[in-house]
Amino acid sequence: MSRLLFALVVYLLVAVMVVLPPVLVFAAALSHGLRVAMATLADPDALSAIRLTMIVTGISVAINTVFGTMAAWTLAHFRFPGRNLLVVLIELPLSVSPVVGGLVWLLVFGTQGWWGAALERWGHPVLFAPPGIVLATVFVTFPYVTRTLMPMLAHNGREAEEAAVMLGANLWQVLWHVTLPGARLALLSGVLLTTARAMGEFGAVSVVSGHIPGLTETMPLHIETLYNGYQTVAAFTMAALLALMAMGVVMARNLTERRHGRTENTA
């Protein structure tokens, strides 16, 4: 009886906290019909927000995949002074509010910051421009690849890598042909988590973007602008699109893990 009760409570919590919000978002988006909802996505500012979100996500995921893999490989295979401090620093974006990350970039690249005025004089502003949005997104999403990949690399050990080195392989050949194939599921999981997080980032991006419609508004920022402007259908339609994109990423991750599990069971 207690198991059934606990199961019912869990299902109720999931229904209220996880299932209900997306259902209400989609219902609000389609409240005036599918044609009206789709028409709001054809607005130039909406298209600009979607395009900027895709560009920023792609760049951020590429940067964090490369440097996150390097960090995970180093931390998994080597012991050195300051290693624990490096782990703490990598995990810092998970515990610090994203707004704090945005304020840090504001301090460094703002007009009153360390380098902001000089960069603006040279015609290369960082804040209130796409580069600042990329920096903020990279900051908040950096830990995911490293933290997902590091346990798998530690579990796999270094024997195969050392054998490859003995056979004459260089560092990049070892990483590409030995290390990453053995941890591809963990790497893909980290990449997909980074993608989902990057698409939905709001706090840090809000600080550094300037909320300029058509120029520096990502999809989450554009949703806020639409909602504050009482454009309810447009706001919920954009939110529904963002939710669909995030759910697609999560489904891809789950399917990949399930397929990998079936492959291991077959083997």
Protein backbone atom coordinates (compact mmCIF):
# COMPACT_ATOMS: atom_id res chain seq x y z
CA MET A 1 0.00 0.00 0.00
CA SER A 2 2.81 2.43 0.87
CA ARG A 3 4.51 1.78 -2.48
CA LEU A 4 1.30 2.60 -4.34
CA LEU A 5 0.85 5.77 -2.29
CA PHE A 6 4.40 6.93 -2.97
CA ALA A 7 3.96 6.17 -6.67
CA LEU A 8 0.75 8.19 -6.80
CA VAL A 9 2.45 11.12 -5.06
CA VAL A 10 5.37 11.01 -7.52
CA TYR A 11 3.02 10.86 -10.51
CA LEU A 12 1.02 13.77 -9.12
CA LEU A 13 4.16 15.88 -8.61
CA VAL A 14 5.43 15.09 -12.10
CA ALA A 15 2.04 15.92 -13.61
CA VAL A 16 1.81 19.26 -11.81
CA MET A 17 5.45 20.36 -11.99
CA VAL A 18 6.59 18.88 -15.33
CA VAL A 19 3.67 17.99 -17.57
CA LEU A 20 1.19 20.77 -16.80
CA PRO A 21 3.41 23.80 -17.59
CA PRO A 22 4.21 22.75 -21.20
CA VAL A 23 0.58 21.81 -21.78
CA LEU A 24 -0.56 25.25 -20.64
CA VAL A 25 2.10 26.92 -22.80
CA PHE A 26 0.96 25.07 -25.92
CA ALA A 27 -2.70 25.73 -25.08
CA ALA A 28 -2.04 29.48 -24.75
CA ALA A 29 -0.01 29.52 -27.96
CA LEU A 30 -2.85 27.88 -29.92
CA SER A 31 -5.66 29.79 -28.22
CA HIS A 32 -6.32 31.80 -31.41
CA GLY A 33 -5.53 28.99 -33.82
CA LEU A 34 -2.45 27.55 -35.44
CA ARG A 35 -2.40 30.10 -38.27
CA VAL A 36 -2.21 33.05 -35.88
CA ALA A 37 0.49 31.34 -33.85
CA MET A 38 2.62 30.60 -36.91
CA ALA A 39 2.17 34.17 -38.16
CA THR A 40 3.80 35.50 -34.99
CA LEU A 41 6.93 33.47 -35.77
CA ALA A 42 7.23 35.19 -39.15
CA ASP A 43 7.85 38.55 -37.46
CA PRO A 44 11.36 39.86 -38.29
CA ASP A 45 12.26 40.27 -34.61
CA ALA A 46 11.12 36.70 -33.90
CA LEU A 47 13.15 35.33 -36.80
CA SER A 48 16.17 37.31 -35.62
CA ALA A 49 15.79 35.88 -32.09
CA ILE A 50 15.58 32.33 -33.42
CA ARG A 51 18.58 32.82 -35.68
CA LEU A 52 20.68 34.41 -32.91
CA THR A 53 19.78 31.61 -30.51
CA MET A 54 20.90 28.98 -33.02
CA ILE A 55 24.17 30.79 -33.75
CA VAL A 56 25.02 31.39 -30.09
CA THR A 57 24.12 27.81 -29.19
CA GLY A 58 26.24 26.37 -31.99
CA ILE A 59 29.30 28.46 -31.09
CA SER A 60 28.94 27.83 -27.35
CA VAL A 61 28.52 24.08 -27.80
CA ALA A 62 31.56 23.91 -30.10
CA ILE A 63 33.75 25.85 -27.64
CA ASN A 64 32.62 23.89 -24.61
CA THR A 65 32.97 20.55 -26.40
CA VAL A 66 36.61 21.22 -27.27
CA PHE A 67 37.72 22.77 -24.00
CA GLY A 68 35.42 20.61 -21.86
CA THR A 69 36.92 17.46 -23.40
CA MET A 70 40.44 18.73 -22.79
CA ALA A 71 39.59 19.57 -19.18
CA ALA A 72 37.90 16.20 -18.57
CA TRP A 73 40.84 14.27 -20.05
CA THR A 74 43.36 16.20 -17.97
CA LEU A 75 41.42 15.87 -14.71
CA ALA A 76 40.63 12.18 -15.25
CA HIS A 77 44.17 11.05 -16.01
CA PHE A 78 46.51 13.30 -14.06
CA ARG A 79 47.08 14.36 -10.48
CA PHE A 80 48.76 17.76 -10.05
CA PRO A 81 48.89 20.65 -7.55
CA GLY A 82 45.71 22.70 -7.74
CA ARG A 83 43.63 19.93 -9.35
CA ASN A 84 40.86 20.15 -6.75
CA LEU A 85 40.76 23.92 -7.15
CA LEU A 86 40.42 23.50 -10.91
CA VAL A 87 37.48 21.13 -10.41
CA VAL A 88 35.80 23.67 -8.13
CA LEU A 89 36.32 26.45 -10.67
CA ILE A 90 34.86 24.35 -13.47
CA GLU A 91 31.79 23.59 -11.37
CA LEU A 92 31.40 27.21 -10.25
CA PRO A 93 28.79 28.13 -12.92
CA LEU A 94 26.53 25.39 -11.53
CA SER A 95 26.42 26.97 -8.08
CA VAL A 96 26.62 30.68 -8.92
CA SER A 97 23.61 32.55 -10.26
CA PRO A 98 23.91 33.18 -14.02
CA VAL A 99 23.28 36.86 -13.33
CA VAL A 100 26.57 36.94 -11.42
CA GLY A 101 28.32 35.59 -14.52
CA GLY A 102 26.75 38.33 -16.61
CA LEU A 103 27.87 40.98 -14.13
CA VAL A 104 31.44 39.66 -14.33
CA TRP A 105 31.50 40.16 -18.10
CA LEU A 106 29.95 43.58 -17.55
CA LEU A 107 32.81 44.45 -15.21
CA VAL A 108 35.40 43.28 -17.74
CA PHE A 109 33.92 44.40 -21.07
CA GLY A 110 31.51 47.19 -20.09
CA THR A 111 32.13 50.82 -21.04
CA GLN A 112 33.37 51.42 -17.49
CA GLY A 113 35.14 48.06 -17.35
CA TRP A 114 38.73 46.99 -17.86
CA TRP A 115 38.74 46.56 -21.64
CA GLY A 116 35.30 47.65 -22.81
CA ALA A 117 36.12 51.24 -23.73
CA ALA A 118 39.22 50.26 -25.72
CA LEU A 119 37.34 47.56 -27.64
CA GLU A 120 34.56 49.99 -28.50
CA ARG A 121 37.08 52.55 -29.79
CA TRP A 122 38.55 49.86 -32.02
CA GLY A 123 35.08 49.03 -33.33
CA HIS A 124 34.79 45.62 -31.64
CA PRO A 125 32.26 45.95 -28.81
CA VAL A 126 31.63 42.85 -26.74
CA LEU A 127 28.71 43.80 -24.53
CA PHE A 128 25.29 44.55 -26.02
CA ALA A 129 26.46 42.57 -29.05
CA PRO A 130 26.55 38.86 -30.02
CA PRO A 131 30.10 38.26 -28.65
CA GLY A 132 28.93 39.15 -25.14
CA ILE A 133 25.99 36.75 -25.46
CA VAL A 134 28.36 33.98 -26.55
CA LEU A 135 30.67 34.64 -23.58
CA ALA A 136 27.77 34.57 -21.13
CA THR A 137 26.40 31.35 -22.61
CA VAL A 138 29.80 29.67 -22.63
CA PHE A 139 30.21 30.54 -18.94
CA VAL A 140 26.94 29.02 -17.76
CA THR A 141 27.25 25.87 -19.90
CA PHE A 142 30.95 25.09 -19.47
CA PRO A 143 30.66 22.38 -16.75
CA TYR A 144 28.33 19.99 -18.57
CA VAL A 145 30.73 18.32 -21.00
CA THR A 146 33.51 18.11 -18.42
CA ARG A 147 31.38 16.71 -15.61
CA THR A 148 29.63 14.21 -17.89
CA LEU A 149 32.78 13.00 -19.62
CA MET A 150 35.25 12.90 -16.71
CA PRO A 151 33.81 9.87 -14.81
CA MET A 152 33.74 7.80 -18.01
CA LEU A 153 37.35 8.66 -18.87
CA ALA A 154 38.44 7.81 -15.33
CA HIS A 155 36.58 4.49 -15.54
CA ASN A 156 38.13 3.56 -18.89
CA GLY A 157 41.64 4.11 -17.55
CA ARG A 158 44.81 4.84 -19.50
CA GLU A 159 45.92 1.39 -20.65
CA ALA A 160 44.62 1.69 -24.22
CA GLU A 161 46.01 5.21 -24.55
CA GLU A 162 49.42 4.14 -23.30
CA ALA A 163 49.41 1.27 -25.77
CA ALA A 164 48.63 3.66 -28.61
CA VAL A 165 51.48 5.93 -27.55
CA MET A 166 53.84 2.95 -27.49
CA LEU A 167 52.82 2.25 -31.09
CA GLY A 168 53.77 5.79 -32.11
CA ALA A 169 50.47 7.69 -31.94
CA ASN A 170 50.59 11.37 -31.04
CA LEU A 171 48.26 13.13 -28.59
CA TRP A 172 45.55 14.04 -31.09
CA GLN A 173 45.56 10.56 -32.62
CA VAL A 174 45.17 9.06 -29.16
CA LEU A 175 42.26 11.36 -28.33
CA TRP A 176 40.49 10.88 -31.66
CA HIS A 177 40.98 7.14 -32.19
CA VAL A 178 41.25 5.75 -28.65
CA THR A 179 39.90 8.07 -25.95
CA LEU A 180 36.76 9.55 -27.50
CA PRO A 181 35.39 6.38 -29.15
CA GLY A 182 35.39 4.71 -25.73
CA ALA A 183 33.48 7.60 -24.17
CA ARG A 184 31.31 8.75 -27.07
CA LEU A 185 28.03 8.23 -25.21
CA ALA A 186 29.16 10.40 -22.28
CA LEU A 187 30.50 13.03 -24.69
CA LEU A 188 27.26 13.10 -26.67
CA SER A 189 25.25 13.32 -23.47
CA GLY A 190 27.31 16.29 -22.32
CA VAL A 191 26.97 17.99 -25.70
CA LEU A 192 23.19 17.58 -25.69
CA LEU A 193 22.92 18.88 -22.13
CA THR A 194 25.02 21.88 -23.12
CA THR A 195 22.78 22.47 -26.14
CA ALA A 196 19.58 22.40 -24.12
CA ARG A 197 21.03 24.70 -21.46
CA ALA A 198 22.43 27.15 -24.01
CA MET A 199 19.13 27.52 -25.85
CA GLY A 200 17.24 28.40 -22.69
CA GLU A 201 19.77 30.65 -20.93
CA PHE A 202 18.22 33.90 -19.71
CA GLY A 203 19.92 35.42 -16.66
CA ALA A 204 23.49 35.96 -17.83
CA VAL A 205 22.40 36.81 -21.38
CA SER A 206 19.90 39.35 -20.07
CA VAL A 207 22.69 41.27 -18.33
CA VAL A 208 25.07 41.47 -21.30
CA SER A 209 22.67 41.72 -24.25
CA GLY A 210 20.99 45.09 -23.80
CA HIS A 211 17.64 43.65 -24.95
CA ILE A 212 17.88 45.21 -28.41
CA PRO A 213 15.02 43.72 -30.52
CA GLY A 214 16.21 42.29 -33.79
CA LEU A 215 19.87 42.52 -32.76
CA THR A 216 20.70 41.07 -29.35
CA GLU A 217 17.53 39.31 -28.24
CA THR A 218 17.67 35.54 -28.02
CA MET A 219 14.49 33.51 -27.83
CA PRO A 220 14.13 33.66 -24.00
CA LEU A 221 14.70 37.44 -24.03
CA HIS A 222 12.26 37.90 -26.90
CA ILE A 223 9.63 35.95 -24.96
CA GLU A 224 9.99 38.37 -22.06
CA THR A 225 9.74 41.37 -24.39
CA LEU A 226 6.60 40.02 -26.03
CA TYR A 227 4.95 39.16 -22.73
CA ASN A 228 5.74 42.55 -21.19
CA GLY A 229 4.26 44.11 -24.33
CA TYR A 230 1.01 42.17 -23.80
CA GLN A 231 1.56 40.13 -26.96
CA THR A 232 0.46 36.98 -25.19
CA VAL A 233 -0.06 34.68 -28.17
CA ALA A 234 3.29 35.62 -29.69
CA ALA A 235 5.07 35.15 -26.36
CA PHE A 236 3.58 31.71 -25.72
CA THR A 237 4.17 30.65 -29.33
CA MET A 238 7.85 31.48 -29.03
CA ALA A 239 7.91 29.70 -25.66
CA ALA A 240 6.27 26.65 -27.22
CA LEU A 241 8.88 26.59 -29.99
CA LEU A 242 11.69 26.84 -27.45
CA ALA A 243 10.10 24.03 -25.41
CA LEU A 244 9.85 21.84 -28.52
CA MET A 245 13.52 22.43 -29.29
CA ALA A 246 14.55 21.56 -25.73
CA MET A 247 12.35 18.46 -25.68
CA GLY A 248 13.86 17.37 -28.99
CA VAL A 249 17.35 17.59 -27.49
CA VAL A 250 16.29 15.63 -24.39
CA MET A 251 14.61 12.96 -26.53
CA ALA A 252 17.73 12.64 -28.66
CA ARG A 253 19.78 12.09 -25.51
CA ASN A 254 17.38 9.47 -24.16
CA LEU A 255 17.21 7.61 -27.48
CA THR A 256 20.98 7.58 -27.73
CA GLU A 257 21.34 6.15 -24.22
CA ARG A 258 18.65 3.56 -24.88
CA ARG A 259 20.23 2.47 -28.16
CA HIS A 260 23.63 2.23 -26.48
CA GLY A 261 22.10 0.10 -23.71
CA ARG A 262 20.54 -2.27 -26.24
CA THR A 263 23.87 -2.57 -28.05
CA GLU A 264 25.69 -3.46 -24.82
CA ASN A 265 23.03 -6.05 -23.91
CA THR A 266 23.30 -7.62 -27.34
CA ALA A 267 27.08 -7.78 -27.07
